[in-house]
Amino acid sequence: MSKMHPGIVPMKGKVLVHNIETGDKRTKSGIIILDDDGKDHGIHERWAQVYAVGTDITDVKPGEWCLIKHGRWSRGVPLHTPDGIITLRLVDWPDAVLLAAEHPPSEVDHG
């Protein structure tokens, strides 16, 4: 994970995420789950890594991963970091977040 940019703190009830999943996904069994970029099919939740949290949020912390409801993230805003450019997106807490995990998901499992 990139080191956080000093001074960037989301407002109350907001989470900043980056590394949001994009593109088609393939399960271990070979099933392809299509990306939904502007399409009516393939709509699904997405994993994203927490970059920063509002001061009132204690359930997740930077570096963890959240599964976010489809379409409940903002447009991306580029941020220049020492590691390169990352894209930050704003998410409402807890309404848009389905679950959180310490480690990135290793595979897509849409049973």
PDB file of N, CA and C in Angstrom:
ATOM      1  N   MET A   1       0.838  -1.176   0.000  1.00  0.00           N
ATOM      2  CA  MET A   1       0.000   0.000   0.000  1.00  0.00           C
ATOM      3  C   MET A   1       0.886   1.242   0.000  1.00  0.00           C
ATOM      4  N   SER A   2       0.455   2.256  -0.714  1.00  0.00           N
ATOM      5  CA  SER A   2       1.172   3.525  -0.725  1.00  0.00           C
ATOM      6  C   SER A   2       1.069   4.180   0.643  1.00  0.00           C
ATOM      7  N   LYS A   3       2.086   4.941   1.003  1.00  0.00           N
ATOM      8  CA  LYS A   3       2.000   5.698   2.246  1.00  0.00           C
ATOM      9  C   LYS A   3       0.957   6.782   2.064  1.00  0.00           C
ATOM     10  N   MET A   4       0.177   7.015   3.118  1.00  0.00           N
ATOM     11  CA  MET A   4      -0.874   8.013   3.037  1.00  0.00           C
ATOM     12  C   MET A   4      -0.295   9.409   2.859  1.00  0.00           C
ATOM     13  N   HIS A   5      -1.002  10.193   2.094  1.00  0.00           N
ATOM     14  CA  HIS A   5      -0.641  11.588   1.891  1.00  0.00           C
ATOM     15  C   HIS A   5      -1.040  12.350   3.148  1.00  0.00           C
ATOM     16  N   PRO A   6      -0.127  13.051   3.763  1.00  0.00           N
ATOM     17  CA  PRO A   6      -0.468  13.756   5.002  1.00  0.00           C
ATOM     18  C   PRO A   6      -1.557  14.797   4.759  1.00  0.00           C
ATOM     19  N   GLY A   7      -2.469  14.880   5.699  1.00  0.00           N
ATOM     20  CA  GLY A   7      -3.510  15.898   5.624  1.00  0.00           C
ATOM     21  C   GLY A   7      -4.779  15.478   4.911  1.00  0.00           C
ATOM     22  N   ILE A   8      -4.805  14.318   4.279  1.00  0.00           N
ATOM     23  CA  ILE A   8      -6.035  13.870   3.623  1.00  0.00           C
ATOM     24  C   ILE A   8      -6.818  13.024   4.610  1.00  0.00           C
ATOM     25  N   VAL A   9      -7.938  13.580   5.062  1.00  0.00           N
ATOM     26  CA  VAL A   9      -8.821  12.885   5.993  1.00  0.00           C
ATOM     27  C   VAL A   9     -10.241  13.032   5.472  1.00  0.00           C
ATOM     28  N   PRO A  10     -10.938  11.927   5.227  1.00  0.00           N
ATOM     29  CA  PRO A  10     -12.323  12.024   4.763  1.00  0.00           C
ATOM     30  C   PRO A  10     -13.221  12.649   5.827  1.00  0.00           C
ATOM     31  N   MET A  11     -14.317  13.224   5.400  1.00  0.00           N
ATOM     32  CA  MET A  11     -15.281  13.808   6.315  1.00  0.00           C
ATOM     33  C   MET A  11     -15.986  12.702   7.104  1.00  0.00           C
ATOM     34  N   LYS A  12     -16.713  13.086   8.127  1.00  0.00           N
ATOM     35  CA  LYS A  12     -17.441  12.154   8.983  1.00  0.00           C
ATOM     36  C   LYS A  12     -18.335  11.241   8.133  1.00  0.00           C
ATOM     37  N   GLY A  13     -18.267   9.936   8.409  1.00  0.00           N
ATOM     38  CA  GLY A  13     -19.098   8.969   7.701  1.00  0.00           C
ATOM     39  C   GLY A  13     -18.608   8.598   6.318  1.00  0.00           C
ATOM     40  N   LYS A  14     -17.376   8.944   5.986  1.00  0.00           N
ATOM     41  CA  LYS A  14     -16.826   8.655   4.660  1.00  0.00           C
ATOM     42  C   LYS A  14     -15.547   7.832   4.777  1.00  0.00           C
ATOM     43  N   VAL A  15     -15.317   7.016   3.744  1.00  0.00           N
ATOM     44  CA  VAL A  15     -14.102   6.215   3.632  1.00  0.00           C
ATOM     45  C   VAL A  15     -13.506   6.489   2.259  1.00  0.00           C
ATOM     46  N   LEU A  16     -12.207   6.723   2.203  1.00  0.00           N
ATOM     47  CA  LEU A  16     -11.500   6.843   0.925  1.00  0.00           C
ATOM     48  C   LEU A  16     -10.902   5.486   0.593  1.00  0.00           C
ATOM     49  N   VAL A  17     -11.114   5.021  -0.638  1.00  0.00           N
ATOM     50  CA  VAL A  17     -10.572   3.737  -1.066  1.00  0.00           C
ATOM     51  C   VAL A  17      -9.756   3.931  -2.336  1.00  0.00           C
ATOM     52  N   HIS A  18      -8.905   2.948  -2.612  1.00  0.00           N
ATOM     53  CA  HIS A  18      -8.156   2.895  -3.859  1.00  0.00           C
ATOM     54  C   HIS A  18      -7.995   1.419  -4.219  1.00  0.00           C
ATOM     55  N   ASN A  19      -7.324   1.131  -5.294  1.00  0.00           N
ATOM     56  CA  ASN A  19      -7.156  -0.251  -5.767  1.00  0.00           C
ATOM     57  C   ASN A  19      -8.488  -0.954  -5.976  1.00  0.00           C
ATOM     58  N   ILE A  20      -9.495  -0.224  -6.457  1.00  0.00           N
ATOM     59  CA  ILE A  20     -10.802  -0.849  -6.683  1.00  0.00           C
ATOM     60  C   ILE A  20     -10.690  -1.832  -7.845  1.00  0.00           C
ATOM     61  N   GLU A  21     -11.381  -2.944  -7.715  1.00  0.00           N
ATOM     62  CA  GLU A  21     -11.367  -3.968  -8.768  1.00  0.00           C
ATOM     63  C   GLU A  21     -11.912  -3.406 -10.073  1.00  0.00           C
ATOM     64  N   THR A  22     -11.269  -3.747 -11.174  1.00  0.00           N
ATOM     65  CA  THR A  22     -11.779  -3.378 -12.497  1.00  0.00           C
ATOM     66  C   THR A  22     -11.536  -4.535 -13.445  1.00  0.00           C
ATOM     67  N   GLY A  23     -12.244  -4.525 -14.543  1.00  0.00           N
ATOM     68  CA  GLY A  23     -12.052  -5.546 -15.564  1.00  0.00           C
ATOM     69  C   GLY A  23     -12.795  -6.832 -15.262  1.00  0.00           C
ATOM     70  N   ASP A  24     -12.769  -7.751 -16.227  1.00  0.00           N
ATOM     71  CA  ASP A  24     -13.414  -9.043 -16.073  1.00  0.00           C
ATOM     72  C   ASP A  24     -12.691  -9.867 -15.019  1.00  0.00           C
ATOM     73  N   LYS A  25     -13.419 -10.732 -14.343  1.00  0.00           N
ATOM     74  CA  LYS A  25     -12.850 -11.616 -13.328  1.00  0.00           C
ATOM     75  C   LYS A  25     -13.064 -13.063 -13.756  1.00  0.00           C
ATOM     76  N   ARG A  26     -12.163 -13.928 -13.318  1.00  0.00           N
ATOM     77  CA  ARG A  26     -12.276 -15.357 -13.614  1.00  0.00           C
ATOM     78  C   ARG A  26     -12.162 -16.121 -12.299  1.00  0.00           C
ATOM     79  N   THR A  27     -13.149 -16.982 -12.016  1.00  0.00           N
ATOM     80  CA  THR A  27     -13.098 -17.790 -10.810  1.00  0.00           C
ATOM     81  C   THR A  27     -12.124 -18.938 -11.019  1.00  0.00           C
ATOM     82  N   LYS A  28     -11.771 -19.644  -9.935  1.00  0.00           N
ATOM     83  CA  LYS A  28     -10.867 -20.784 -10.049  1.00  0.00           C
ATOM     84  C   LYS A  28     -11.408 -21.845 -10.995  1.00  0.00           C
ATOM     85  N   SER A  29     -12.733 -21.984 -11.033  1.00  0.00           N
ATOM     86  CA  SER A  29     -13.331 -23.006 -11.901  1.00  0.00           C
ATOM     87  C   SER A  29     -13.434 -22.561 -13.355  1.00  0.00           C
ATOM     88  N   GLY A  30     -13.011 -21.322 -13.659  1.00  0.00           N
ATOM     89  CA  GLY A  30     -12.980 -20.866 -15.044  1.00  0.00           C
ATOM     90  C   GLY A  30     -14.160 -20.011 -15.469  1.00  0.00           C
ATOM     91  N   ILE A  31     -15.099 -19.740 -14.580  1.00  0.00           N
ATOM     92  CA  ILE A  31     -16.250 -18.908 -14.929  1.00  0.00           C
ATOM     93  C   ILE A  31     -15.780 -17.462 -15.039  1.00  0.00           C
ATOM     94  N   ILE A  32     -16.173 -16.795 -16.121  1.00  0.00           N
ATOM     95  CA  ILE A  32     -15.794 -15.407 -16.340  1.00  0.00           C
ATOM     96  C   ILE A  32     -16.950 -14.518 -15.907  1.00  0.00           C
ATOM     97  N   ILE A  33     -16.637 -13.563 -15.025  1.00  0.00           N
ATOM     98  CA  ILE A  33     -17.619 -12.580 -14.584  1.00  0.00           C
ATOM     99  C   ILE A  33     -17.246 -11.281 -15.270  1.00  0.00           C
ATOM    100  N   LEU A  34     -18.124 -10.823 -16.170  1.00  0.00           N
ATOM    101  CA  LEU A  34     -17.819  -9.658 -16.986  1.00  0.00           C
ATOM    102  C   LEU A  34     -17.813  -8.380 -16.167  1.00  0.00           C
ATOM    103  N   ASP A  35     -16.960  -7.468 -16.578  1.00  0.00           N
ATOM    104  CA  ASP A  35     -16.938  -6.140 -15.987  1.00  0.00           C
ATOM    105  C   ASP A  35     -18.241  -5.452 -16.368  1.00  0.00           C
ATOM    106  N   ASP A  36     -18.646  -4.468 -15.589  1.00  0.00           N
ATOM    107  CA  ASP A  36     -19.927  -3.820 -15.840  1.00  0.00           C
ATOM    108  C   ASP A  36     -19.786  -2.377 -16.296  1.00  0.00           C
ATOM    109  N   ASP A  37     -18.650  -1.990 -16.794  1.00  0.00           N
ATOM    110  CA  ASP A  37     -18.423  -0.597 -17.167  1.00  0.00           C
ATOM    111  C   ASP A  37     -19.482  -0.104 -18.152  1.00  0.00           C
ATOM    112  N   GLY A  38     -20.558   0.467 -17.605  1.00  0.00           N
ATOM    113  CA  GLY A  38     -21.617   1.040 -18.418  1.00  0.00           C
ATOM    114  C   GLY A  38     -22.525   0.034 -19.090  1.00  0.00           C
ATOM    115  N   LYS A  39     -22.490  -1.209 -18.682  1.00  0.00           N
ATOM    116  CA  LYS A  39     -23.309  -2.236 -19.298  1.00  0.00           C
ATOM    117  C   LYS A  39     -24.412  -2.662 -18.344  1.00  0.00           C
ATOM    118  N   ASP A  40     -25.461  -3.287 -18.882  1.00  0.00           N
ATOM    119  CA  ASP A  40     -26.565  -3.774 -18.050  1.00  0.00           C
ATOM    120  C   ASP A  40     -26.285  -5.149 -17.470  1.00  0.00           C
ATOM    121  N   HIS A  41     -25.262  -5.840 -17.963  1.00  0.00           N
ATOM    122  CA  HIS A  41     -24.957  -7.175 -17.445  1.00  0.00           C
ATOM    123  C   HIS A  41     -23.631  -7.147 -16.688  1.00  0.00           C
ATOM    124  N   GLY A  42     -23.416  -8.110 -15.865  1.00  0.00           N
ATOM    125  CA  GLY A  42     -22.145  -8.199 -15.158  1.00  0.00           C
ATOM    126  C   GLY A  42     -22.055  -7.308 -13.933  1.00  0.00           C
ATOM    127  N   ILE A  43     -23.183  -6.754 -13.490  1.00  0.00           N
ATOM    128  CA  ILE A  43     -23.160  -5.861 -12.332  1.00  0.00           C
ATOM    129  C   ILE A  43     -22.824  -6.657 -11.085  1.00  0.00           C
ATOM    130  N   HIS A  44     -21.829  -6.185 -10.321  1.00  0.00           N
ATOM    131  CA  HIS A  44     -21.444  -6.880  -9.098  1.00  0.00           C
ATOM    132  C   HIS A  44     -20.737  -5.929  -8.145  1.00  0.00           C
ATOM    133  N   GLU A  45     -20.670  -6.337  -6.898  1.00  0.00           N
ATOM    134  CA  GLU A  45     -19.940  -5.567  -5.899  1.00  0.00           C
ATOM    135  C   GLU A  45     -18.454  -5.599  -6.238  1.00  0.00           C
ATOM    136  N   ARG A  46     -17.702  -4.693  -5.646  1.00  0.00           N
ATOM    137  CA  ARG A  46     -16.266  -4.643  -5.925  1.00  0.00           C
ATOM    138  C   ARG A  46     -15.475  -4.499  -4.633  1.00  0.00           C
ATOM    139  N   TRP A  47     -14.291  -5.108  -4.620  1.00  0.00           N
ATOM    140  CA  TRP A  47     -13.357  -4.960  -3.517  1.00  0.00           C
ATOM    141  C   TRP A  47     -12.513  -3.721  -3.755  1.00  0.00           C
ATOM    142  N   ALA A  48     -12.218  -3.007  -2.689  1.00  0.00           N
ATOM    143  CA  ALA A  48     -11.315  -1.857  -2.761  1.00  0.00           C
ATOM    144  C   ALA A  48     -10.543  -1.782  -1.453  1.00  0.00           C
ATOM    145  N   GLN A  49      -9.362  -1.225  -1.529  1.00  0.00           N
ATOM    146  CA  GLN A  49      -8.519  -1.096  -0.343  1.00  0.00           C
ATOM    147  C   GLN A  49      -8.767   0.250   0.325  1.00  0.00           C
ATOM    148  N   VAL A  50      -8.873   0.240   1.635  1.00  0.00           N
ATOM    149  CA  VAL A  50      -9.114   1.461   2.402  1.00  0.00           C
ATOM    150  C   VAL A  50      -7.834   2.295   2.409  1.00  0.00           C
ATOM    151  N   TYR A  51      -7.957   3.557   2.017  1.00  0.00           N
ATOM    152  CA  TYR A  51      -6.824   4.487   2.021  1.00  0.00           C
ATOM    153  C   TYR A  51      -6.844   5.336   3.290  1.00  0.00           C
ATOM    154  N   ALA A  52      -8.024   5.854   3.652  1.00  0.00           N
ATOM    155  CA  ALA A  52      -8.172   6.675   4.855  1.00  0.00           C
ATOM    156  C   ALA A  52      -9.633   6.623   5.287  1.00  0.00           C
ATOM    157  N   VAL A  53      -9.878   6.867   6.572  1.00  0.00           N
ATOM    158  CA  VAL A  53     -11.247   6.840   7.107  1.00  0.00           C
ATOM    159  C   VAL A  53     -11.543   8.132   7.846  1.00  0.00           C
ATOM    160  N   GLY A  54     -12.844   8.483   7.908  1.00  0.00           N
ATOM    161  CA  GLY A  54     -13.265   9.638   8.680  1.00  0.00           C
ATOM    162  C   GLY A  54     -12.969   9.419  10.159  1.00  0.00           C
ATOM    163  N   THR A  55     -12.904  10.502  10.917  1.00  0.00           N
ATOM    164  CA  THR A  55     -12.516  10.420  12.325  1.00  0.00           C
ATOM    165  C   THR A  55     -13.494   9.610  13.172  1.00  0.00           C
ATOM    166  N   ASP A  56     -14.730   9.443  12.717  1.00  0.00           N
ATOM    167  CA  ASP A  56     -15.742   8.725  13.487  1.00  0.00           C
ATOM    168  C   ASP A  56     -15.781   7.236  13.191  1.00  0.00           C
ATOM    169  N   ILE A  57     -14.975   6.749  12.282  1.00  0.00           N
ATOM    170  CA  ILE A  57     -15.038   5.346  11.845  1.00  0.00           C
ATOM    171  C   ILE A  57     -13.954   4.534  12.543  1.00  0.00           C
ATOM    172  N   THR A  58     -14.386   3.491  13.251  1.00  0.00           N
ATOM    173  CA  THR A  58     -13.442   2.647  13.992  1.00  0.00           C
ATOM    174  C   THR A  58     -13.485   1.191  13.547  1.00  0.00           C
ATOM    175  N   ASP A  59     -14.430   0.845  12.662  1.00  0.00           N
ATOM    176  CA  ASP A  59     -14.590  -0.550  12.250  1.00  0.00           C
ATOM    177  C   ASP A  59     -13.600  -1.002  11.183  1.00  0.00           C
ATOM    178  N   VAL A  60     -13.055  -0.081  10.418  1.00  0.00           N
ATOM    179  CA  VAL A  60     -12.039  -0.407   9.407  1.00  0.00           C
ATOM    180  C   VAL A  60     -10.894   0.583   9.540  1.00  0.00           C
ATOM    181  N   LYS A  61      -9.745   0.186   9.010  1.00  0.00           N
ATOM    182  CA  LYS A  61      -8.583   1.070   9.066  1.00  0.00           C
ATOM    183  C   LYS A  61      -7.838   1.010   7.736  1.00  0.00           C
ATOM    184  N   PRO A  62      -7.005   2.001   7.461  1.00  0.00           N
ATOM    185  CA  PRO A  62      -6.250   2.010   6.213  1.00  0.00           C
ATOM    186  C   PRO A  62      -5.475   0.709   6.015  1.00  0.00           C
ATOM    187  N   GLY A  63      -5.496   0.243   4.774  1.00  0.00           N
ATOM    188  CA  GLY A  63      -4.810  -1.000   4.422  1.00  0.00           C
ATOM    189  C   GLY A  63      -5.743  -2.189   4.348  1.00  0.00           C
ATOM    190  N   GLU A  64      -6.872  -2.139   5.044  1.00  0.00           N
ATOM    191  CA  GLU A  64      -7.843  -3.239   4.978  1.00  0.00           C
ATOM    192  C   GLU A  64      -8.614  -3.150   3.662  1.00  0.00           C
ATOM    193  N   TRP A  65      -9.406  -4.180   3.384  1.00  0.00           N
ATOM    194  CA  TRP A  65     -10.180  -4.268   2.150  1.00  0.00           C
ATOM    195  C   TRP A  65     -11.667  -4.267   2.478  1.00  0.00           C
ATOM    196  N   CYS A  66     -12.474  -3.606   1.640  1.00  0.00           N
ATOM    197  CA  CYS A  66     -13.926  -3.563   1.816  1.00  0.00           C
ATOM    198  C   CYS A  66     -14.608  -4.036   0.536  1.00  0.00           C
ATOM    199  N   LEU A  67     -15.716  -4.744   0.713  1.00  0.00           N
ATOM    200  CA  LEU A  67     -16.573  -5.102  -0.411  1.00  0.00           C
ATOM    201  C   LEU A  67     -17.655  -4.034  -0.473  1.00  0.00           C
ATOM    202  N   ILE A  68     -17.720  -3.331  -1.589  1.00  0.00           N
ATOM    203  CA  ILE A  68     -18.595  -2.169  -1.727  1.00  0.00           C
ATOM    204  C   ILE A  68     -19.740  -2.500  -2.677  1.00  0.00           C
ATOM    205  N   LYS A  69     -20.955  -2.075  -2.291  1.00  0.00           N
ATOM    206  CA  LYS A  69     -22.133  -2.270  -3.139  1.00  0.00           C
ATOM    207  C   LYS A  69     -21.880  -1.645  -4.503  1.00  0.00           C
ATOM    208  N   HIS A  70     -22.466  -2.263  -5.524  1.00  0.00           N
ATOM    209  CA  HIS A  70     -22.275  -1.785  -6.894  1.00  0.00           C
ATOM    210  C   HIS A  70     -22.677  -0.318  -7.036  1.00  0.00           C
ATOM    211  N   GLY A  71     -21.788   0.458  -7.632  1.00  0.00           N
ATOM    212  CA  GLY A  71     -22.074   1.840  -7.959  1.00  0.00           C
ATOM    213  C   GLY A  71     -22.101   2.804  -6.792  1.00  0.00           C
ATOM    214  N   ARG A  72     -21.684   2.379  -5.617  1.00  0.00           N
ATOM    215  CA  ARG A  72     -21.754   3.231  -4.428  1.00  0.00           C
ATOM    216  C   ARG A  72     -20.417   3.896  -4.113  1.00  0.00           C
ATOM    217  N   TRP A  73     -19.602   4.111  -5.125  1.00  0.00           N
ATOM    218  CA  TRP A  73     -18.332   4.808  -4.963  1.00  0.00           C
ATOM    219  C   TRP A  73     -18.337   6.014  -5.895  1.00  0.00           C
ATOM    220  N   SER A  74     -17.554   7.022  -5.559  1.00  0.00           N
ATOM    221  CA  SER A  74     -17.496   8.239  -6.378  1.00  0.00           C
ATOM    222  C   SER A  74     -16.592   8.022  -7.585  1.00  0.00           C
ATOM    223  N   ARG A  75     -16.612   8.984  -8.457  1.00  0.00           N
ATOM    224  CA  ARG A  75     -15.646   8.978  -9.555  1.00  0.00           C
ATOM    225  C   ARG A  75     -14.252   9.099  -8.961  1.00  0.00           C
ATOM    226  N   GLY A  76     -13.278   8.618  -9.674  1.00  0.00           N
ATOM    227  CA  GLY A  76     -11.915   8.635  -9.159  1.00  0.00           C
ATOM    228  C   GLY A  76     -11.257  10.000  -9.229  1.00  0.00           C
ATOM    229  N   VAL A  77     -10.439  10.272  -8.231  1.00  0.00           N
ATOM    230  CA  VAL A  77      -9.635  11.496  -8.175  1.00  0.00           C
ATOM    231  C   VAL A  77      -8.176  11.064  -8.081  1.00  0.00           C
ATOM    232  N   PRO A  78      -7.340  11.476  -9.035  1.00  0.00           N
ATOM    233  CA  PRO A  78      -5.934  11.060  -8.987  1.00  0.00           C
ATOM    234  C   PRO A  78      -5.175  11.767  -7.868  1.00  0.00           C
ATOM    235  N   LEU A  79      -4.280  11.017  -7.247  1.00  0.00           N
ATOM    236  CA  LEU A  79      -3.418  11.564  -6.204  1.00  0.00           C
ATOM    237  C   LEU A  79      -1.988  11.135  -6.509  1.00  0.00           C
ATOM    238  N   HIS A  80      -1.099  12.109  -6.565  1.00  0.00           N
ATOM    239  CA  HIS A  80       0.322  11.816  -6.806  1.00  0.00           C
ATOM    240  C   HIS A  80       0.967  11.441  -5.478  1.00  0.00           C
ATOM    241  N   THR A  81       1.584  10.266  -5.431  1.00  0.00           N
ATOM    242  CA  THR A  81       2.271   9.787  -4.232  1.00  0.00           C
ATOM    243  C   THR A  81       3.716   9.459  -4.608  1.00  0.00           C
ATOM    244  N   PRO A  82       4.578   9.227  -3.622  1.00  0.00           N
ATOM    245  CA  PRO A  82       5.955   8.821  -3.943  1.00  0.00           C
ATOM    246  C   PRO A  82       6.015   7.503  -4.732  1.00  0.00           C
ATOM    247  N   ASP A  83       4.965   6.669  -4.591  1.00  0.00           N
ATOM    248  CA  ASP A  83       4.923   5.387  -5.305  1.00  0.00           C
ATOM    249  C   ASP A  83       4.281   5.498  -6.680  1.00  0.00           C
ATOM    250  N   GLY A  84       3.822   6.680  -7.061  1.00  0.00           N
ATOM    251  CA  GLY A  84       3.143   6.874  -8.340  1.00  0.00           C
ATOM    252  C   GLY A  84       1.756   7.456  -8.123  1.00  0.00           C
ATOM    253  N   ILE A  85       0.973   7.473  -9.180  1.00  0.00           N
ATOM    254  CA  ILE A  85      -0.372   8.035  -9.117  1.00  0.00           C
ATOM    255  C   ILE A  85      -1.352   6.938  -8.705  1.00  0.00           C
ATOM    256  N   ILE A  86      -2.196   7.237  -7.707  1.00  0.00           N
ATOM    257  CA  ILE A  86      -3.268   6.324  -7.329  1.00  0.00           C
ATOM    258  C   ILE A  86      -4.584   7.059  -7.522  1.00  0.00           C
ATOM    259  N   THR A  87      -5.664   6.303  -7.664  1.00  0.00           N
ATOM    260  CA  THR A  87      -6.987   6.881  -7.836  1.00  0.00           C
ATOM    261  C   THR A  87      -7.789   6.658  -6.563  1.00  0.00           C
ATOM    262  N   LEU A  88      -8.220   7.751  -5.948  1.00  0.00           N
ATOM    263  CA  LEU A  88      -9.018   7.683  -4.728  1.00  0.00           C
ATOM    264  C   LEU A  88     -10.494   7.815  -5.070  1.00  0.00           C
ATOM    265  N   ARG A  89     -11.321   7.064  -4.334  1.00  0.00           N
ATOM    266  CA  ARG A  89     -12.775   7.130  -4.494  1.00  0.00           C
ATOM    267  C   ARG A  89     -13.404   7.229  -3.114  1.00  0.00           C
ATOM    268  N   LEU A  90     -14.478   7.985  -3.014  1.00  0.00           N
ATOM    269  CA  LEU A  90     -15.162   8.192  -1.747  1.00  0.00           C
ATOM    270  C   LEU A  90     -16.333   7.216  -1.625  1.00  0.00           C
ATOM    271  N   VAL A  91     -16.497   6.642  -0.426  1.00  0.00           N
ATOM    272  CA  VAL A  91     -17.556   5.669  -0.153  1.00  0.00           C
ATOM    273  C   VAL A  91     -18.250   6.075   1.145  1.00  0.00           C
ATOM    274  N   ASP A  92     -19.582   5.968   1.179  1.00  0.00           N
ATOM    275  CA  ASP A  92     -20.340   6.247   2.403  1.00  0.00           C
ATOM    276  C   ASP A  92     -20.241   5.074   3.360  1.00  0.00           C
ATOM    277  N   TRP A  93     -19.959   5.376   4.620  1.00  0.00           N
ATOM    278  CA  TRP A  93     -19.882   4.349   5.653  1.00  0.00           C
ATOM    279  C   TRP A  93     -21.105   4.466   6.540  1.00  0.00           C
ATOM    280  N   PRO A  94     -21.773   3.427   6.902  1.00  0.00           N
ATOM    281  CA  PRO A  94     -21.588   2.027   6.534  1.00  0.00           C
ATOM    282  C   PRO A  94     -22.510   1.591   5.402  1.00  0.00           C
ATOM    283  N   ASP A  95     -23.334   2.516   4.873  1.00  0.00           N
ATOM    284  CA  ASP A  95     -24.375   2.147   3.917  1.00  0.00           C
ATOM    285  C   ASP A  95     -23.876   1.419   2.676  1.00  0.00           C
ATOM    286  N   ALA A  96     -22.712   1.784   2.166  1.00  0.00           N
ATOM    287  CA  ALA A  96     -22.227   1.207   0.918  1.00  0.00           C
ATOM    288  C   ALA A  96     -21.302   0.013   1.114  1.00  0.00           C
ATOM    289  N   VAL A  97     -20.880  -0.237   2.350  1.00  0.00           N
ATOM    290  CA  VAL A  97     -19.900  -1.289   2.610  1.00  0.00           C
ATOM    291  C   VAL A  97     -20.596  -2.545   3.118  1.00  0.00           C
ATOM    292  N   LEU A  98     -20.363  -3.660   2.425  1.00  0.00           N
ATOM    293  CA  LEU A  98     -20.997  -4.927   2.787  1.00  0.00           C
ATOM    294  C   LEU A  98     -20.190  -5.707   3.813  1.00  0.00           C
ATOM    295  N   LEU A  99     -18.860  -5.692   3.684  1.00  0.00           N
ATOM    296  CA  LEU A  99     -17.997  -6.368   4.650  1.00  0.00           C
ATOM    297  C   LEU A  99     -16.579  -5.885   4.487  1.00  0.00           C
ATOM    298  N   ALA A 100     -15.752  -6.230   5.467  1.00  0.00           N
ATOM    299  CA  ALA A 100     -14.352  -5.812   5.446  1.00  0.00           C
ATOM    300  C   ALA A 100     -13.467  -7.005   5.752  1.00  0.00           C
ATOM    301  N   ALA A 101     -12.229  -6.955   5.269  1.00  0.00           N
ATOM    302  CA  ALA A 101     -11.264  -8.029   5.491  1.00  0.00           C
ATOM    303  C   ALA A 101      -9.870  -7.422   5.642  1.00  0.00           C
ATOM    304  N   GLU A 102      -9.030  -8.103   6.406  1.00  0.00           N
ATOM    305  CA  GLU A 102      -7.674  -7.612   6.597  1.00  0.00           C
ATOM    306  C   GLU A 102      -6.802  -7.793   5.362  1.00  0.00           C
ATOM    307  N   HIS A 103      -7.086  -8.837   4.573  1.00  0.00           N
ATOM    308  CA  HIS A 103      -6.262  -9.164   3.419  1.00  0.00           C
ATOM    309  C   HIS A 103      -7.089  -9.090   2.147  1.00  0.00           C
ATOM    310  N   PRO A 104      -6.454  -8.851   1.009  1.00  0.00           N
ATOM    311  CA  PRO A 104      -7.202  -8.792  -0.248  1.00  0.00           C
ATOM    312  C   PRO A 104      -7.825 -10.128  -0.575  1.00  0.00           C
ATOM    313  N   PRO A 105      -8.975 -10.124  -1.234  1.00  0.00           N
ATOM    314  CA  PRO A 105      -9.595 -11.396  -1.607  1.00  0.00           C
ATOM    315  C   PRO A 105      -8.714 -12.103  -2.632  1.00  0.00           C
ATOM    316  N   SER A 106      -8.582 -13.418  -2.479  1.00  0.00           N
ATOM    317  CA  SER A 106      -7.702 -14.166  -3.369  1.00  0.00           C
ATOM    318  C   SER A 106      -8.420 -14.632  -4.631  1.00  0.00           C
ATOM    319  N   GLU A 107      -9.725 -14.667  -4.593  1.00  0.00           N
ATOM    320  CA  GLU A 107     -10.475 -15.103  -5.770  1.00  0.00           C
ATOM    321  C   GLU A 107     -11.891 -14.566  -5.687  1.00  0.00           C
ATOM    322  N   VAL A 108     -12.574 -14.564  -6.814  1.00  0.00           N
ATOM    323  CA  VAL A 108     -13.973 -14.156  -6.865  1.00  0.00           C
ATOM    324  C   VAL A 108     -14.814 -15.405  -6.663  1.00  0.00           C
ATOM    325  N   ASP A 109     -15.768 -15.337  -5.775  1.00  0.00           N
ATOM    326  CA  ASP A 109     -16.646 -16.494  -5.555  1.00  0.00           C
ATOM    327  C   ASP A 109     -18.084 -15.996  -5.515  1.00  0.00           C
ATOM    328  N   HIS A 110     -18.750 -16.062  -6.636  1.00  0.00           N
ATOM    329  CA  HIS A 110     -20.144 -15.640  -6.738  1.00  0.00           C
ATOM    330  C   HIS A 110     -20.997 -16.893  -6.910  1.00  0.00           C
ATOM    331  N   GLY A 111     -21.084 -17.718  -5.854  1.00  0.00           N
ATOM    332  CA  GLY A 111     -21.738 -18.993  -5.797  1.00  0.00           C
ATOM    333  C   GLY A 111     -22.985 -19.109  -6.469  1.00  0.00           C
TER     334      GLY A 111
END
